[in-house]
Amino acid sequence: MLLTGALATGCGESGPQGGAASTRAASGTPSATPPEDLCARIVAHWSREVLDSDTYGDYQSMGLSNGQYEILMEVVDAARAERKRSGKRAARNLIDRGARERCTERYRDGNPTGGPWS
């Protein structure tokens, strides 16, 4: 739960004026985390948790949307099969790749529509 807050609040930058944040702002480089990156990080985190505990939690308590939770379930199912075939390390690598690919696809045209639960 703490990670969710850190990921959500970690998008902005703080620091003294004239620091790295103001340099990036002046150069036009956005400082916010793109939604597909945030999705991939949070889905991968919770997918590893689910894989290790063999139980799913509530998507809202994880800070996920319904659509992100669907990605998590797909990624975990694939990771469980990979763990049986090739071990835990291969399963974790698959989680990282799967979360990245699915989140990139989900956000390829911007934020999904359908309300805050999607």
N, C-alpha and C. Protein backbone atom coordinates (compact mmCIF):
# COMPACT_ATOMS: atom_id res chain seq x y z
N MET A 1 0.83 -1.18 0.00
CA MET A 1 0.00 0.00 0.00
C MET A 1 0.87 1.24 0.00
N LEU A 2 1.95 1.22 0.74
CA LEU A 2 2.85 2.36 0.82
C LEU A 2 3.48 2.64 -0.53
N LEU A 3 3.80 1.58 -1.29
CA LEU A 3 4.40 1.75 -2.60
C LEU A 3 3.46 2.50 -3.52
N THR A 4 2.19 2.21 -3.44
CA THR A 4 1.21 2.89 -4.29
C THR A 4 1.28 4.39 -4.06
N GLY A 5 1.29 4.81 -2.82
CA GLY A 5 1.37 6.23 -2.52
C GLY A 5 2.67 6.83 -3.01
N ALA A 6 3.76 6.10 -2.85
CA ALA A 6 5.05 6.60 -3.29
C ALA A 6 5.09 6.74 -4.80
N LEU A 7 4.51 5.77 -5.51
CA LEU A 7 4.49 5.85 -6.96
C LEU A 7 3.62 7.00 -7.44
N ALA A 8 2.48 7.16 -6.80
CA ALA A 8 1.56 8.22 -7.22
C ALA A 8 2.09 9.60 -6.89
N THR A 9 2.72 9.74 -5.72
CA THR A 9 3.21 11.05 -5.34
C THR A 9 4.61 11.31 -5.87
N GLY A 10 5.28 10.30 -6.36
CA GLY A 10 6.64 10.45 -6.85
C GLY A 10 6.73 11.06 -8.23
N CYS A 11 5.62 11.50 -8.79
CA CYS A 11 5.62 12.04 -10.13
C CYS A 11 6.18 13.44 -10.20
N GLY A 12 6.00 14.22 -9.17
CA GLY A 12 6.51 15.59 -9.19
C GLY A 12 7.93 15.64 -8.70
N GLU A 13 8.50 16.82 -8.79
CA GLU A 13 9.86 16.99 -8.32
C GLU A 13 9.90 18.14 -7.34
N SER A 14 10.77 18.02 -6.37
CA SER A 14 10.94 19.10 -5.43
C SER A 14 12.41 19.44 -5.36
N GLY A 15 12.70 20.50 -4.69
CA GLY A 15 14.09 20.89 -4.55
C GLY A 15 14.22 22.38 -4.68
N PRO A 16 15.41 22.87 -4.50
CA PRO A 16 15.62 24.30 -4.56
C PRO A 16 15.37 24.83 -5.97
N GLN A 17 14.97 26.08 -6.04
CA GLN A 17 14.77 26.71 -7.34
C GLN A 17 16.10 26.74 -8.06
N GLY A 18 16.03 26.55 -9.36
CA GLY A 18 17.26 26.55 -10.14
C GLY A 18 17.91 25.18 -10.19
N GLY A 19 17.31 24.18 -9.54
CA GLY A 19 17.86 22.83 -9.54
C GLY A 19 17.48 22.08 -10.80
N ALA A 20 17.60 20.75 -10.74
CA ALA A 20 17.34 19.90 -11.90
C ALA A 20 15.91 20.04 -12.39
N ALA A 21 14.96 20.19 -11.46
CA ALA A 21 13.55 20.30 -11.86
C ALA A 21 13.32 21.54 -12.72
N SER A 22 13.88 22.66 -12.32
CA SER A 22 13.66 23.88 -13.11
C SER A 22 14.41 23.81 -14.44
N THR A 23 15.54 23.13 -14.47
CA THR A 23 16.28 22.95 -15.72
C THR A 23 15.46 22.14 -16.70
N ARG A 24 14.85 21.03 -16.22
CA ARG A 24 14.01 20.20 -17.07
C ARG A 24 12.78 20.96 -17.52
N ALA A 25 12.18 21.74 -16.62
CA ALA A 25 10.99 22.51 -16.97
C ALA A 25 11.34 23.53 -18.05
N ALA A 26 12.49 24.16 -17.93
CA ALA A 26 12.90 25.16 -18.91
C ALA A 26 13.20 24.52 -20.26
N SER A 27 13.67 23.27 -20.26
CA SER A 27 14.01 22.60 -21.51
C SER A 27 12.80 21.97 -22.17
N GLY A 28 11.64 21.98 -21.48
CA GLY A 28 10.43 21.40 -22.06
C GLY A 28 10.27 19.92 -21.79
N THR A 29 11.18 19.32 -21.04
CA THR A 29 11.08 17.91 -20.71
C THR A 29 10.03 17.73 -19.62
N PRO A 30 9.00 16.92 -19.87
CA PRO A 30 7.98 16.74 -18.83
C PRO A 30 8.55 16.03 -17.62
N SER A 31 8.04 16.40 -16.44
CA SER A 31 8.54 15.79 -15.21
C SER A 31 7.61 14.71 -14.68
N ALA A 32 6.42 14.60 -15.23
CA ALA A 32 5.47 13.59 -14.76
C ALA A 32 5.81 12.23 -15.36
N THR A 33 5.54 11.19 -14.62
CA THR A 33 5.76 9.83 -15.09
C THR A 33 4.67 9.48 -16.10
N PRO A 34 5.03 9.02 -17.29
CA PRO A 34 4.01 8.63 -18.27
C PRO A 34 3.13 7.51 -17.70
N PRO A 35 1.84 7.50 -18.03
CA PRO A 35 0.92 6.52 -17.45
C PRO A 35 1.31 5.08 -17.73
N GLU A 36 1.89 4.80 -18.90
CA GLU A 36 2.28 3.42 -19.19
C GLU A 36 3.44 2.97 -18.31
N ASP A 37 4.34 3.91 -17.94
CA ASP A 37 5.44 3.57 -17.04
C ASP A 37 4.94 3.32 -15.62
N LEU A 38 4.06 4.19 -15.17
CA LEU A 38 3.48 4.01 -13.84
C LEU A 38 2.71 2.70 -13.77
N CYS A 39 1.91 2.43 -14.80
CA CYS A 39 1.16 1.17 -14.87
C CYS A 39 2.10 -0.03 -14.80
N ALA A 40 3.14 -0.02 -15.61
CA ALA A 40 4.08 -1.16 -15.65
C ALA A 40 4.75 -1.37 -14.30
N ARG A 41 5.14 -0.28 -13.64
CA ARG A 41 5.81 -0.41 -12.34
C ARG A 41 4.87 -0.98 -11.28
N ILE A 42 3.66 -0.45 -11.21
CA ILE A 42 2.76 -0.89 -10.16
C ILE A 42 2.22 -2.30 -10.44
N VAL A 43 1.94 -2.60 -11.70
CA VAL A 43 1.46 -3.94 -12.05
C VAL A 43 2.56 -4.98 -11.79
N ALA A 44 3.79 -4.66 -12.15
CA ALA A 44 4.89 -5.60 -11.91
C ALA A 44 5.09 -5.82 -10.41
N HIS A 45 5.04 -4.75 -9.64
CA HIS A 45 5.20 -4.88 -8.19
C HIS A 45 4.15 -5.82 -7.61
N TRP A 46 2.88 -5.55 -7.88
CA TRP A 46 1.81 -6.37 -7.31
C TRP A 46 1.78 -7.77 -7.91
N SER A 47 2.21 -7.92 -9.15
CA SER A 47 2.28 -9.26 -9.75
C SER A 47 3.29 -10.13 -9.02
N ARG A 48 4.44 -9.54 -8.65
CA ARG A 48 5.43 -10.30 -7.88
C ARG A 48 4.88 -10.67 -6.50
N GLU A 49 4.17 -9.74 -5.88
CA GLU A 49 3.55 -10.01 -4.57
C GLU A 49 2.56 -11.16 -4.67
N VAL A 50 1.72 -11.13 -5.70
CA VAL A 50 0.71 -12.18 -5.89
C VAL A 50 1.39 -13.51 -6.19
N LEU A 51 2.41 -13.48 -7.03
CA LEU A 51 3.14 -14.71 -7.37
C LEU A 51 3.75 -15.33 -6.12
N ASP A 52 4.34 -14.51 -5.26
CA ASP A 52 4.98 -15.01 -4.05
C ASP A 52 3.99 -15.51 -3.01
N SER A 53 2.82 -14.88 -2.94
CA SER A 53 1.85 -15.25 -1.90
C SER A 53 0.80 -16.24 -2.39
N ASP A 54 0.71 -16.43 -3.70
CA ASP A 54 -0.29 -17.31 -4.30
C ASP A 54 -1.71 -16.91 -3.97
N THR A 55 -1.95 -15.63 -3.73
CA THR A 55 -3.30 -15.14 -3.49
C THR A 55 -3.46 -13.74 -4.07
N TYR A 56 -4.63 -13.50 -4.62
CA TYR A 56 -4.94 -12.17 -5.16
C TYR A 56 -5.56 -11.31 -4.08
N GLY A 57 -5.27 -10.03 -4.12
CA GLY A 57 -5.89 -9.07 -3.22
C GLY A 57 -6.94 -8.28 -3.98
N ASP A 58 -7.48 -7.30 -3.31
CA ASP A 58 -8.46 -6.42 -3.91
C ASP A 58 -7.75 -5.37 -4.75
N TYR A 59 -8.21 -5.18 -5.97
CA TYR A 59 -7.51 -4.25 -6.86
C TYR A 59 -7.50 -2.82 -6.33
N GLN A 60 -8.54 -2.43 -5.63
CA GLN A 60 -8.58 -1.07 -5.09
C GLN A 60 -7.55 -0.88 -3.98
N SER A 61 -7.36 -1.90 -3.15
CA SER A 61 -6.36 -1.77 -2.08
C SER A 61 -4.94 -1.74 -2.65
N MET A 62 -4.77 -2.25 -3.87
CA MET A 62 -3.47 -2.21 -4.55
C MET A 62 -3.26 -0.88 -5.28
N GLY A 63 -4.31 -0.09 -5.39
CA GLY A 63 -4.21 1.16 -6.11
C GLY A 63 -4.30 0.99 -7.62
N LEU A 64 -4.93 -0.12 -8.06
CA LEU A 64 -5.05 -0.41 -9.48
C LEU A 64 -6.44 -0.10 -9.98
N SER A 65 -6.54 0.22 -11.26
CA SER A 65 -7.84 0.31 -11.90
C SER A 65 -8.27 -1.11 -12.25
N ASN A 66 -9.51 -1.26 -12.66
CA ASN A 66 -9.99 -2.58 -13.07
C ASN A 66 -9.17 -3.09 -14.26
N GLY A 67 -8.88 -2.22 -15.22
CA GLY A 67 -8.09 -2.62 -16.38
C GLY A 67 -6.68 -3.03 -16.01
N GLN A 68 -6.06 -2.31 -15.09
CA GLN A 68 -4.72 -2.68 -14.63
C GLN A 68 -4.75 -4.01 -13.89
N TYR A 69 -5.83 -4.25 -13.15
CA TYR A 69 -5.97 -5.52 -12.43
C TYR A 69 -6.11 -6.69 -13.41
N GLU A 70 -6.81 -6.45 -14.51
CA GLU A 70 -6.92 -7.49 -15.54
C GLU A 70 -5.54 -7.81 -16.12
N ILE A 71 -4.72 -6.78 -16.33
CA ILE A 71 -3.35 -7.00 -16.79
C ILE A 71 -2.60 -7.83 -15.76
N LEU A 72 -2.72 -7.48 -14.48
CA LEU A 72 -2.05 -8.20 -13.41
C LEU A 72 -2.43 -9.69 -13.45
N MET A 73 -3.71 -9.99 -13.58
CA MET A 73 -4.14 -11.40 -13.59
C MET A 73 -3.55 -12.16 -14.77
N GLU A 74 -3.51 -11.51 -15.95
CA GLU A 74 -2.91 -12.16 -17.13
C GLU A 74 -1.42 -12.40 -16.91
N VAL A 75 -0.74 -11.40 -16.38
CA VAL A 75 0.70 -11.49 -16.15
C VAL A 75 1.01 -12.57 -15.11
N VAL A 76 0.24 -12.61 -14.03
CA VAL A 76 0.48 -13.61 -12.98
C VAL A 76 0.21 -15.02 -13.49
N ASP A 77 -0.85 -15.20 -14.25
CA ASP A 77 -1.14 -16.53 -14.82
C ASP A 77 0.03 -17.03 -15.67
N ALA A 78 0.55 -16.14 -16.52
CA ALA A 78 1.69 -16.51 -17.36
C ALA A 78 2.93 -16.76 -16.51
N ALA A 79 3.13 -15.96 -15.47
CA ALA A 79 4.30 -16.11 -14.61
C ALA A 79 4.25 -17.43 -13.83
N ARG A 80 3.07 -17.82 -13.39
CA ARG A 80 2.95 -19.11 -12.68
C ARG A 80 3.36 -20.28 -13.57
N ALA A 81 2.90 -20.23 -14.81
CA ALA A 81 3.28 -21.29 -15.76
C ALA A 81 4.79 -21.26 -16.02
N GLU A 82 5.35 -20.06 -16.16
CA GLU A 82 6.79 -19.91 -16.40
C GLU A 82 7.60 -20.39 -15.19
N ARG A 83 7.11 -20.13 -14.00
CA ARG A 83 7.80 -20.57 -12.78
C ARG A 83 7.88 -22.10 -12.75
N LYS A 84 6.81 -22.77 -13.15
CA LYS A 84 6.82 -24.24 -13.18
C LYS A 84 7.82 -24.76 -14.20
N ARG A 85 7.91 -24.09 -15.35
CA ARG A 85 8.81 -24.53 -16.41
C ARG A 85 10.26 -24.18 -16.14
N SER A 86 10.50 -22.94 -15.70
CA SER A 86 11.87 -22.42 -15.71
C SER A 86 12.35 -21.81 -14.41
N GLY A 87 11.52 -21.76 -13.39
CA GLY A 87 11.95 -21.24 -12.11
C GLY A 87 11.49 -19.82 -11.83
N LYS A 88 11.78 -19.40 -10.59
CA LYS A 88 11.31 -18.12 -10.08
C LYS A 88 11.92 -16.93 -10.83
N ARG A 89 13.21 -16.98 -11.12
CA ARG A 89 13.85 -15.86 -11.81
C ARG A 89 13.22 -15.62 -13.18
N ALA A 90 12.98 -16.68 -13.93
CA ALA A 90 12.35 -16.56 -15.25
C ALA A 90 10.94 -15.99 -15.11
N ALA A 91 10.22 -16.40 -14.07
CA ALA A 91 8.87 -15.89 -13.84
C ALA A 91 8.89 -14.39 -13.56
N ARG A 92 9.84 -13.95 -12.76
CA ARG A 92 9.94 -12.52 -12.45
C ARG A 92 10.32 -11.70 -13.69
N ASN A 93 11.20 -12.24 -14.52
CA ASN A 93 11.55 -11.57 -15.77
C ASN A 93 10.34 -11.46 -16.69
N LEU A 94 9.55 -12.53 -16.73
CA LEU A 94 8.33 -12.52 -17.53
C LEU A 94 7.34 -11.48 -17.01
N ILE A 95 7.25 -11.34 -15.70
CA ILE A 95 6.37 -10.33 -15.10
C ILE A 95 6.78 -8.94 -15.59
N ASP A 96 8.06 -8.63 -15.53
CA ASP A 96 8.52 -7.31 -15.96
C ASP A 96 8.21 -7.06 -17.43
N ARG A 97 8.49 -8.04 -18.28
CA ARG A 97 8.21 -7.89 -19.72
C ARG A 97 6.71 -7.80 -19.99
N GLY A 98 5.95 -8.70 -19.36
CA GLY A 98 4.51 -8.74 -19.59
C GLY A 98 3.81 -7.47 -19.13
N ALA A 99 4.18 -6.98 -17.96
CA ALA A 99 3.57 -5.75 -17.45
C ALA A 99 3.91 -4.58 -18.38
N ARG A 100 5.15 -4.49 -18.81
CA ARG A 100 5.58 -3.41 -19.72
C ARG A 100 4.80 -3.48 -21.04
N GLU A 101 4.74 -4.67 -21.65
CA GLU A 101 4.07 -4.81 -22.94
C GLU A 101 2.58 -4.50 -22.85
N ARG A 102 1.92 -5.06 -21.84
CA ARG A 102 0.48 -4.86 -21.72
C ARG A 102 0.12 -3.42 -21.34
N CYS A 103 0.91 -2.81 -20.48
CA CYS A 103 0.64 -1.42 -20.10
C CYS A 103 0.92 -0.47 -21.26
N THR A 104 1.96 -0.74 -22.02
CA THR A 104 2.25 0.08 -23.20
C THR A 104 1.09 -0.02 -24.19
N GLU A 105 0.58 -1.20 -24.39
CA GLU A 105 -0.56 -1.40 -25.29
C GLU A 105 -1.80 -0.68 -24.75
N ARG A 106 -2.04 -0.79 -23.47
CA ARG A 106 -3.23 -0.18 -22.85
C ARG A 106 -3.22 1.34 -22.99
N TYR A 107 -2.07 1.95 -22.89
CA TYR A 107 -1.97 3.41 -22.91
C TYR A 107 -1.43 3.96 -24.23
N ARG A 108 -1.40 3.16 -25.28
CA ARG A 108 -0.80 3.58 -26.54
C ARG A 108 -1.49 4.80 -27.15
N ASP A 109 -2.79 4.98 -26.90
CA ASP A 109 -3.51 6.11 -27.45
C ASP A 109 -3.85 7.14 -26.37
N GLY A 110 -3.12 7.14 -25.28
CA GLY A 110 -3.40 8.01 -24.15
C GLY A 110 -4.12 7.22 -23.07
N ASN A 111 -4.77 7.93 -22.17
CA ASN A 111 -5.48 7.26 -21.10
C ASN A 111 -6.71 6.54 -21.62
N PRO A 112 -6.98 5.33 -21.13
CA PRO A 112 -8.17 4.61 -21.58
C PRO A 112 -9.42 5.35 -21.14
N THR A 113 -10.47 5.17 -21.89
CA THR A 113 -11.75 5.79 -21.52
C THR A 113 -12.61 4.75 -20.84
N GLY A 114 -13.70 5.18 -20.27
CA GLY A 114 -14.60 4.24 -19.59
C GLY A 114 -14.71 4.53 -18.11
N GLY A 115 -14.21 5.63 -17.67
CA GLY A 115 -14.32 5.99 -16.26
C GLY A 115 -13.08 5.64 -15.48
N PRO A 116 -13.05 6.04 -14.22
CA PRO A 116 -11.85 5.84 -13.40
C PRO A 116 -11.57 4.39 -13.06
N TRP A 117 -12.53 3.51 -13.23
CA TRP A 117 -12.34 2.10 -12.90
C TRP A 117 -11.73 1.32 -14.05
N SER A 118 -11.56 1.91 -15.21
CA SER A 118 -11.08 1.16 -16.38
C SER A 118 -9.58 1.12 -16.49
